Amino acid sequence: MSIIIKTPFRSSGLETDPIVYGLRPEELRQGIYQLYNDKSLLITGTRGIGKSSFCYQLQKIIKGDDTLLKRCALEISMPKFITVSYVCTPDDTIETIILSIINDLEEQIEECREKYKIRAKEFDVAILGFIKSKIAIEETETKKDNTLVTSFIEIIHKYTQVYVEPHINIVLDELDQINPQYNIAHFIKVVLEQLNRKGDDYLSFILVGQNSLFDTLNNSQPAFHRIVKHINLLPLNEEYSRGVLQACLKRTEIPTEIENKCEDLFLNITCGYPYNIQLLGNETFNCMLERYNSIPNEFTIVEKDLLGGLKNVIVSEEQRYAILLETLESDEKGIVLSLADADVKSCPYEFTKESIEAGLSIQDNEIRKEEARKMVKSLLEKQIIREVENAITREKKYVFQEEIFRIYLFDRINNEKLLSLYD
């Protein structure tokens, strides 16, 4: 007999429940403070760190849900915002982004009429269609960029004329996907500056992307750092990671517990990455169900379930891991494999720059140190490793960006079954 019940983990899509969301009280405080003052944010971080979920929760708050504010003990009376969220693709241009935002605002007009107080002057709905036609007609003209800015400012200005305190927030997710030839930083800077001159300080952006996005935007527009608050998301600490795991288990149809030893190992493997918590949690939960022949009064997750789930995750992610390994130079690959072949029970495995130096077959001491420094920089940029710092001693060490990737490499090197690694 097989048991099928709904998994409490969300291995795909955003975590929309503010009760289950992994707390980031300081980052949340900074973000809400900026948005309260209609200032813009730049959210960066590595894959799986929870950038999109963080932005979703910010917009949930400014649309009136104070659940997460209460969880973080933040007291603030937020005005309700008109929000737009757009996920960028490599095929996007500034025009396609603007048109999508305008379409979204157009769809919200009737809803906004009901929610917000409206001035005596009615909003001219035709202005939206006019602007969209105007952009389409002038797409081939040499002054296209200026037209885009002017048209976009015009529509935002119309909102500020109609609604009482019309706060508008626009999320541009995965902004690093856009071709660098489109100077989105300049566009945003000009839009905000011109609205500011009109006295329309009601628009804010939340820009989201990988760690390199800050450098990209700042290089294309040197003054860009002045108009955004940069928040770089780091892994959740153990307390908040445990909170996510426990909150997920609480929403199961049947009460579910996890053994203490298994829970500690789970947290060590996932290393504070919300995506990995959801991914491994889902596979572990499914492996647990396979052990039961009938529905009990309570489920218990044990280490065997976790290791079975880990094996399933590695199988599902194997192709991506193989591609990731192939992005490395031959000497980098050698060092990474040697680092991965450490005690797999030490999760996460920490190492130093000296560990990399020791693996280089270079006799000259100074040259070896310099090559190790370059390799650390390269592996950080390629998001293979990340830096961790001891809060007391300030000693710098490194860990793999994804501990599951290291376990995959260990398993590949030693050709062992995962279920026996922790025996």
Protein backbone atom coordinates (compact mmCIF):
# COMPACT_ATOMS: atom_id res chain seq x y z
CA MET A 1 0.00 0.00 0.00
CA SER A 2 1.29 3.46 -0.91
CA ILE A 3 0.48 6.60 1.00
CA ILE A 4 0.01 9.82 -0.92
CA ILE A 5 -0.54 13.06 0.91
CA LYS A 6 0.32 16.62 0.00
CA THR A 7 3.93 17.62 0.58
CA PRO A 8 4.40 20.59 2.94
CA PHE A 9 7.48 21.73 1.00
CA ARG A 10 7.55 23.94 -2.10
CA SER A 11 10.44 22.80 -4.24
CA SER A 12 9.25 24.89 -7.19
CA GLY A 13 7.85 28.40 -7.17
CA LEU A 14 7.91 31.01 -4.44
CA GLU A 15 7.22 30.47 -0.76
CA THR A 16 4.18 32.74 -0.49
CA ASP A 17 3.21 31.98 3.11
CA PRO A 18 4.66 34.63 5.47
CA ILE A 19 4.34 32.16 8.37
CA VAL A 20 6.74 29.71 6.73
CA TYR A 21 9.05 32.30 5.19
CA GLY A 22 12.58 32.25 6.63
CA LEU A 23 13.00 35.38 8.74
CA ARG A 24 15.46 38.07 7.65
CA PRO A 25 14.51 40.75 10.19
CA GLU A 26 17.35 43.19 9.50
CA GLU A 27 17.08 42.95 5.71
CA LEU A 28 13.31 43.25 5.99
CA ARG A 29 13.62 46.31 8.19
CA GLN A 30 15.97 47.98 5.72
CA GLY A 31 13.75 47.11 2.77
CA ILE A 32 10.52 48.31 4.33
CA TYR A 33 12.17 51.53 5.54
CA GLN A 34 13.27 52.28 1.96
CA LEU A 35 9.88 51.50 0.43
CA TYR A 36 8.06 53.48 3.13
CA ASN A 37 10.07 56.47 1.92
CA ASP A 38 9.43 55.55 -1.75
CA LYS A 39 13.10 54.73 -2.30
CA SER A 40 14.40 51.94 -4.51
CA LEU A 41 16.14 48.67 -3.64
CA LEU A 42 18.71 46.44 -5.29
CA ILE A 43 18.47 42.85 -4.05
CA THR A 44 21.34 40.52 -4.96
CA GLY A 45 22.42 37.05 -3.94
CA THR A 46 23.38 33.64 -5.22
CA ARG A 47 21.09 31.05 -6.78
CA GLY A 48 18.62 29.60 -4.29
CA ILE A 49 19.22 32.23 -1.61
CA GLY A 50 15.60 33.47 -1.77
CA LYS A 51 15.78 36.77 -3.68
CA SER A 52 12.44 36.40 -5.45
CA SER A 53 10.68 35.20 -2.29
CA PHE A 54 12.12 38.16 -0.36
CA CYS A 55 10.72 40.60 -2.94
CA TYR A 56 7.39 38.79 -2.97
CA GLN A 57 7.13 39.20 0.81
CA LEU A 58 8.08 42.89 0.59
CA GLN A 59 5.31 43.50 -1.93
CA LYS A 60 2.89 41.44 0.16
CA ILE A 61 3.58 43.80 3.07
CA ILE A 62 3.13 47.00 1.08
CA LYS A 63 -0.15 45.65 -0.28
CA GLY A 64 -1.48 45.39 3.27
CA ASP A 65 -0.44 42.04 4.80
CA ASP A 66 1.37 42.75 8.10
CA THR A 67 1.95 39.09 9.11
CA LEU A 68 5.69 39.17 8.46
CA LEU A 69 6.03 42.59 10.11
CA LYS A 70 4.56 41.14 13.29
CA ARG A 71 6.85 38.11 13.14
CA CYS A 72 9.82 40.48 12.96
CA ALA A 73 8.40 42.76 15.69
CA LEU A 74 8.32 45.74 13.33
CA GLU A 75 5.77 48.44 13.99
CA ILE A 76 4.90 50.62 11.01
CA SER A 77 1.71 51.82 9.38
CA MET A 78 2.39 51.21 5.70
CA PRO A 79 0.30 52.92 3.04
CA LYS A 80 -1.08 50.52 0.44
CA PHE A 81 0.89 50.36 -2.79
CA ILE A 82 0.04 49.67 -6.40
CA THR A 83 2.50 46.89 -7.30
CA VAL A 84 3.89 45.41 -10.50
CA SER A 85 6.25 42.45 -10.80
CA TYR A 86 8.07 41.46 -13.96
CA VAL A 87 10.54 38.60 -14.53
CA CYS A 88 13.12 39.53 -17.17
CA THR A 89 14.40 37.23 -19.92
CA PRO A 90 17.41 37.40 -22.30
CA ASP A 91 15.02 38.47 -25.08
CA ASP A 92 13.76 41.53 -23.22
CA THR A 93 14.49 45.12 -24.17
CA ILE A 94 13.64 48.30 -22.31
CA GLU A 95 10.60 48.65 -24.59
CA THR A 96 9.18 45.21 -23.78
CA ILE A 97 9.64 45.81 -20.07
CA ILE A 98 7.92 49.21 -20.17
CA LEU A 99 5.00 47.89 -22.22
CA SER A 100 4.52 45.01 -19.81
CA ILE A 101 4.51 47.39 -16.84
CA ILE A 102 2.00 49.67 -18.56
CA ASN A 103 -0.24 46.71 -19.40
CA ASP A 104 -0.14 45.60 -15.78
CA LEU A 105 -1.01 49.09 -14.54
CA GLU A 106 -3.86 49.24 -17.04
CA GLU A 107 -5.30 45.99 -15.70
CA GLN A 108 -5.19 47.36 -12.17
CA ILE A 109 -7.05 50.59 -12.91
CA GLU A 110 -10.52 49.31 -12.05
CA GLU A 111 -9.24 47.52 -8.97
CA CYS A 112 -7.46 50.68 -7.85
CA ARG A 113 -10.62 52.72 -8.32
CA GLU A 114 -12.31 50.53 -5.74
CA LYS A 115 -9.43 50.39 -3.27
CA TYR A 116 -8.10 53.93 -3.29
CA LYS A 117 -9.62 57.35 -2.90
CA ILE A 118 -9.79 59.08 -6.26
CA ARG A 119 -9.61 62.75 -6.96
CA ALA A 120 -12.51 64.45 -8.69
CA LYS A 121 -10.60 64.29 -11.97
CA GLU A 122 -11.22 60.88 -13.58
CA PHE A 123 -8.32 58.91 -15.00
CA ASP A 124 -8.19 59.01 -18.77
CA VAL A 125 -7.96 55.31 -19.61
CA ALA A 126 -7.21 56.15 -23.23
CA ILE A 127 -3.82 57.57 -22.21
CA LEU A 128 -2.53 54.03 -21.74
CA GLY A 129 -3.49 52.93 -25.22
CA PHE A 130 -2.13 56.17 -26.62
CA ILE A 131 1.23 55.68 -24.95
CA LYS A 132 1.49 52.06 -26.10
CA SER A 133 0.73 53.09 -29.68
CA LYS A 134 3.18 55.96 -29.43
CA ILE A 135 5.97 53.62 -28.29
CA ALA A 136 5.19 51.13 -31.07
CA ILE A 137 5.19 53.82 -33.77
CA GLU A 138 8.45 55.36 -32.65
CA GLU A 139 10.34 52.11 -32.03
CA THR A 140 12.47 52.67 -35.10
CA GLU A 141 13.19 56.34 -34.54
CA THR A 142 16.58 57.57 -33.37
CA LYS A 143 15.14 59.27 -30.30
CA LYS A 144 13.46 56.11 -29.09
CA ASP A 145 15.12 56.11 -25.67
CA ASN A 146 13.95 59.63 -24.87
CA THR A 147 10.44 58.75 -26.04
CA LEU A 148 10.39 55.71 -23.76
CA VAL A 149 11.43 57.74 -20.75
CA THR A 150 8.96 60.53 -21.51
CA SER A 151 6.08 58.12 -22.10
CA PHE A 152 6.79 56.13 -18.97
CA ILE A 153 7.02 59.26 -16.82
CA GLU A 154 3.76 60.48 -18.33
CA ILE A 155 1.83 57.39 -17.27
CA ILE A 156 3.28 57.45 -13.75
CA HIS A 157 2.49 61.17 -13.49
CA LYS A 158 -1.12 60.45 -14.50
CA TYR A 159 -1.46 58.07 -11.59
CA THR A 160 -0.12 60.67 -9.17
CA GLN A 161 -2.69 63.16 -10.43
CA VAL A 162 -5.61 60.80 -9.92
CA TYR A 163 -4.98 58.88 -6.70
CA VAL A 164 -4.40 60.34 -3.27
CA GLU A 165 -0.84 59.41 -2.27
CA PRO A 166 -0.48 56.84 -5.08
CA HIS A 167 2.53 54.78 -4.00
CA ILE A 168 3.73 52.55 -6.85
CA ASN A 169 6.34 49.80 -6.60
CA ILE A 170 7.81 47.88 -9.53
CA VAL A 171 9.86 44.68 -9.16
CA LEU A 172 12.20 43.74 -12.00
CA ASP A 173 13.32 40.21 -11.19
CA GLU A 174 16.29 38.44 -12.83
CA LEU A 175 17.45 41.76 -14.21
CA ASP A 176 20.89 40.28 -14.91
CA GLN A 177 19.28 38.30 -17.75
CA ILE A 178 18.92 41.43 -19.89
CA ASN A 179 21.51 42.14 -22.56
CA PRO A 180 24.00 44.69 -21.12
CA GLN A 181 23.56 46.82 -24.27
CA TYR A 182 20.29 48.05 -22.74
CA ASN A 183 21.24 50.60 -20.12
CA ILE A 184 18.46 49.90 -17.67
CA ALA A 185 20.36 51.72 -14.91
CA HIS A 186 20.33 54.97 -16.88
CA PHE A 187 16.64 54.56 -17.72
CA ILE A 188 15.67 54.09 -14.05
CA LYS A 189 17.89 56.94 -12.90
CA VAL A 190 16.38 59.37 -15.41
CA VAL A 191 12.81 58.29 -14.65
CA LEU A 192 13.24 58.76 -10.88
CA GLU A 193 15.04 62.08 -11.26
CA GLN A 194 12.42 63.55 -13.59
CA LEU A 195 9.55 62.39 -11.41
CA ASN A 196 11.37 63.93 -8.44
CA ARG A 197 11.51 67.28 -10.25
CA LYS A 198 7.75 67.08 -10.78
CA GLY A 199 7.26 66.42 -7.09
CA ASP A 200 6.00 62.89 -7.84
CA ASP A 201 8.06 60.95 -5.29
CA TYR A 202 5.72 58.00 -5.27
CA LEU A 203 7.56 55.47 -7.46
CA SER A 204 10.08 52.90 -6.26
CA PHE A 205 11.82 49.97 -7.95
CA ILE A 206 13.05 46.67 -6.54
CA LEU A 207 15.78 45.35 -8.83
CA VAL A 208 16.76 41.71 -8.40
CA GLY A 209 19.63 39.60 -9.70
CA GLN A 210 22.84 37.68 -9.10
CA ASN A 211 25.72 39.21 -7.13
CA SER A 212 27.30 40.62 -10.31
CA LEU A 213 24.26 42.85 -10.95
CA PHE A 214 25.52 45.62 -8.66
CA ASP A 215 28.75 45.98 -10.65
CA THR A 216 26.88 45.81 -13.96
CA LEU A 217 24.45 48.57 -13.05
CA ASN A 218 27.05 50.76 -11.40
CA ASN A 219 29.45 50.44 -14.33
CA SER A 220 26.76 51.44 -16.83
CA GLN A 221 25.62 54.33 -14.62
CA PRO A 222 28.31 55.42 -12.07
CA ALA A 223 25.82 57.36 -9.94
CA PHE A 224 23.44 54.43 -9.71
CA HIS A 225 24.50 53.43 -6.18
CA ARG A 226 23.08 56.73 -4.91
CA ILE A 227 19.50 55.94 -5.89
CA VAL A 228 19.21 52.40 -4.52
CA LYS A 229 19.73 50.68 -1.20
CA HIS A 230 21.77 47.55 -1.90
CA ILE A 231 20.78 44.48 0.12
CA ASN A 232 22.86 41.36 -0.45
CA LEU A 233 21.06 38.30 0.86
CA LEU A 234 23.14 35.74 2.75
CA PRO A 235 22.18 32.22 3.88
CA LEU A 236 19.76 31.95 6.79
CA ASN A 237 21.34 31.24 10.16
CA GLU A 238 20.62 27.94 11.90
CA GLU A 239 17.78 29.35 14.01
CA TYR A 240 15.86 30.71 11.04
CA SER A 241 16.61 27.63 8.89
CA ARG A 242 15.23 25.42 11.65
CA GLY A 243 12.20 27.70 11.80
CA VAL A 244 11.49 27.17 8.09
CA LEU A 245 11.80 23.39 8.41
CA GLN A 246 9.55 23.22 11.47
CA ALA A 247 6.98 25.59 9.97
CA CYS A 248 6.79 23.43 6.84
CA LEU A 249 6.25 20.27 8.88
CA LYS A 250 3.48 21.97 10.86
CA ARG A 251 1.38 22.41 7.73
CA THR A 252 1.26 18.68 6.92
CA GLU A 253 -2.11 16.92 6.86
CA ILE A 254 -0.85 14.50 9.53
CA PRO A 255 1.42 15.64 12.41
CA THR A 256 5.04 15.12 11.36
CA GLU A 257 8.18 15.16 13.50
CA ILE A 258 11.86 14.88 12.60
CA GLU A 259 14.44 13.18 14.78
CA ASN A 260 16.90 15.62 16.38
CA LYS A 261 20.01 14.05 14.86
CA CYS A 262 18.35 13.96 11.44
CA GLU A 263 17.25 17.59 11.78
CA ASP A 264 20.80 18.74 12.58
CA LEU A 265 22.19 16.87 9.58
CA PHE A 266 19.45 18.31 7.36
CA LEU A 267 20.34 21.87 8.41
CA ASN A 268 24.06 21.25 7.89
CA ILE A 269 23.48 19.94 4.37
CA THR A 270 21.12 22.73 3.29
CA CYS A 271 23.40 25.45 4.75
CA GLY A 272 20.72 28.11 5.14
CA TYR A 273 19.63 28.16 1.49
CA PRO A 274 15.81 28.37 1.38
CA TYR A 275 15.67 26.62 -2.01
CA ASN A 276 17.70 23.67 -0.73
CA ILE A 277 15.54 23.42 2.40
CA GLN A 278 12.44 23.13 0.22
CA LEU A 279 14.07 20.84 -2.35
CA LEU A 280 15.65 18.39 0.09
CA GLY A 281 12.65 18.64 2.41
CA ASN A 282 10.31 17.58 -0.39
CA GLU A 283 12.42 14.56 -1.40
CA THR A 284 12.97 13.55 2.23
CA PHE A 285 9.24 13.76 2.93
CA ASN A 286 8.50 11.54 -0.08
CA CYS A 287 11.08 8.96 1.07
CA MET A 288 9.50 8.97 4.51
CA LEU A 289 6.06 8.18 3.04
CA GLU A 290 7.49 5.14 1.27
CA ARG A 291 8.34 3.55 4.64
CA TYR A 292 4.76 3.57 5.86
CA ASN A 293 2.25 0.89 4.83
CA SER A 294 -0.68 2.61 6.47
CA ILE A 295 -1.53 6.09 7.64
CA PRO A 296 -0.34 6.55 11.26
CA ASN A 297 -1.41 9.10 13.84
CA GLU A 298 1.97 10.78 13.42
CA PHE A 299 4.84 10.62 10.93
CA THR A 300 8.51 10.64 11.94
CA ILE A 301 11.36 11.56 9.59
CA VAL A 302 14.54 9.58 10.27
CA GLU A 303 18.07 9.70 8.86
CA LYS A 304 17.35 7.00 6.28
CA ASP A 305 14.62 9.22 4.81
CA LEU A 306 17.02 12.17 4.64
CA LEU A 307 19.76 10.20 2.89
CA GLY A 308 17.26 8.77 0.44
CA GLY A 309 16.00 12.28 -0.25
CA LEU A 310 19.57 13.52 -0.69
CA LYS A 311 20.22 10.79 -3.24
CA ASN A 312 17.10 11.78 -5.18
CA VAL A 313 18.12 15.45 -5.16
CA ILE A 314 21.55 14.59 -6.58
CA VAL A 315 19.97 12.49 -9.32
CA SER A 316 17.63 15.33 -10.28
CA GLU A 317 20.40 17.95 -10.15
CA GLU A 318 23.17 15.80 -11.66
CA GLN A 319 23.04 17.34 -15.12
CA ARG A 320 23.27 20.87 -13.72
CA TYR A 321 26.14 19.86 -11.45
CA ALA A 322 28.02 18.29 -14.37
CA ILE A 323 27.64 21.49 -16.41
CA LEU A 324 28.79 23.54 -13.41
CA LEU A 325 31.92 21.41 -13.14
CA GLU A 326 32.68 21.89 -16.83
CA THR A 327 32.73 25.67 -16.43
CA LEU A 328 35.99 25.33 -14.45
CA GLU A 329 39.52 25.49 -15.81
CA SER A 330 41.48 22.25 -15.50
CA ASP A 331 43.52 23.44 -12.49
CA GLU A 332 40.38 24.81 -10.80
CA LYS A 333 38.60 21.52 -11.39
CA GLY A 334 41.46 19.62 -9.80
CA ILE A 335 41.43 21.80 -6.69
CA VAL A 336 37.64 21.65 -6.37
CA LEU A 337 37.63 17.86 -6.62
CA SER A 338 40.41 17.57 -4.03
CA LEU A 339 38.50 19.86 -1.65
CA ALA A 340 35.29 17.88 -2.20
CA ASP A 341 37.09 14.65 -1.30
CA ALA A 342 37.09 15.60 2.37
CA ASP A 343 35.13 14.06 5.22
CA VAL A 344 31.58 14.20 3.88
CA LYS A 345 30.25 14.10 7.44
CA SER A 346 31.74 17.57 8.03
CA CYS A 347 28.82 19.61 6.72
CA PRO A 348 29.45 22.23 5.67
CA TYR A 349 33.12 21.55 4.98
CA GLU A 350 35.25 24.64 5.68
CA PHE A 351 38.68 25.30 4.17
CA THR A 352 41.16 28.17 3.83
CA LYS A 353 43.21 29.76 1.07
CA GLU A 354 46.13 27.77 2.43
CA SER A 355 44.20 24.58 1.65
CA ILE A 356 44.11 25.65 -2.00
CA GLU A 357 47.79 26.59 -1.93
CA ALA A 358 48.67 23.13 -0.66
CA GLY A 359 46.92 21.57 -3.64
CA LEU A 360 48.89 23.55 -6.24
CA SER A 361 51.96 21.86 -7.77
CA ILE A 362 53.98 25.09 -7.78
CA GLN A 363 57.36 25.14 -6.02
CA ASP A 364 57.88 28.88 -5.77
CA ASN A 365 56.18 30.05 -2.57
CA GLU A 366 55.21 33.54 -3.76
CA ILE A 367 53.90 32.34 -7.13
CA ARG A 368 51.87 29.62 -5.39
CA LYS A 369 50.32 32.18 -3.03
CA GLU A 370 49.44 34.48 -5.92
CA GLU A 371 47.90 31.64 -7.96
CA ALA A 372 45.89 30.53 -4.94
CA ARG A 373 44.61 34.09 -4.49
CA LYS A 374 43.55 34.24 -8.16
CA MET A 375 41.87 30.86 -7.89
CA VAL A 376 39.89 31.90 -4.81
CA LYS A 377 38.72 35.02 -6.66
CA SER A 378 37.72 32.98 -9.72
CA LEU A 379 35.84 30.33 -7.73
CA LEU A 380 34.00 33.06 -5.83
CA GLU A 381 33.00 34.76 -9.09
CA LYS A 382 31.84 31.47 -10.57
CA GLN A 383 29.79 30.87 -7.40
CA ILE A 384 31.49 27.57 -6.64
CA ILE A 385 32.57 28.70 -3.18
CA ARG A 386 31.59 31.48 -0.80
CA GLU A 387 33.36 33.25 2.02
CA VAL A 388 32.43 32.81 5.67
CA GLU A 389 33.86 34.87 8.50
CA ASN A 390 34.17 34.02 12.17
CA ALA A 391 32.10 36.66 13.99
CA ILE A 392 34.61 36.82 16.87
CA THR A 393 38.07 36.22 15.35
CA ARG A 394 37.20 37.64 11.89
CA GLU A 395 39.10 34.72 10.41
CA LYS A 396 38.13 34.12 6.78
CA LYS A 397 37.31 30.65 5.56
CA TYR A 398 35.48 29.24 2.58
CA VAL A 399 32.75 26.69 2.00
CA PHE A 400 31.12 25.33 -1.13
CA GLN A 401 28.31 27.51 -2.39
CA GLU A 402 26.12 24.40 -2.46
CA GLU A 403 26.99 21.71 0.03
CA ILE A 404 24.89 19.23 -1.95
CA PHE A 405 27.18 19.89 -4.94
CA ARG A 406 30.18 18.94 -2.79
CA ILE A 407 28.44 15.74 -1.67
CA TYR A 408 27.70 14.97 -5.34
CA LEU A 409 31.41 15.38 -6.15
CA PHE A 410 32.42 13.23 -3.17
CA ASP A 411 30.04 10.50 -4.28
CA ARG A 412 31.36 10.75 -7.86
CA ILE A 413 35.00 10.54 -6.72
CA ASN A 414 34.51 7.63 -4.35
CA ASN A 415 31.84 5.83 -6.33
CA GLU A 416 29.94 5.04 -3.13
CA LYS A 417 26.26 4.85 -2.40
CA LEU A 418 25.02 7.87 -0.50
CA LEU A 419 23.10 5.75 1.95
CA SER A 420 26.38 4.35 3.28
CA LEU A 421 28.29 7.64 3.54
CA TYR A 422 27.04 8.43 7.03
CA ASP A 423 27.25 4.92 8.51
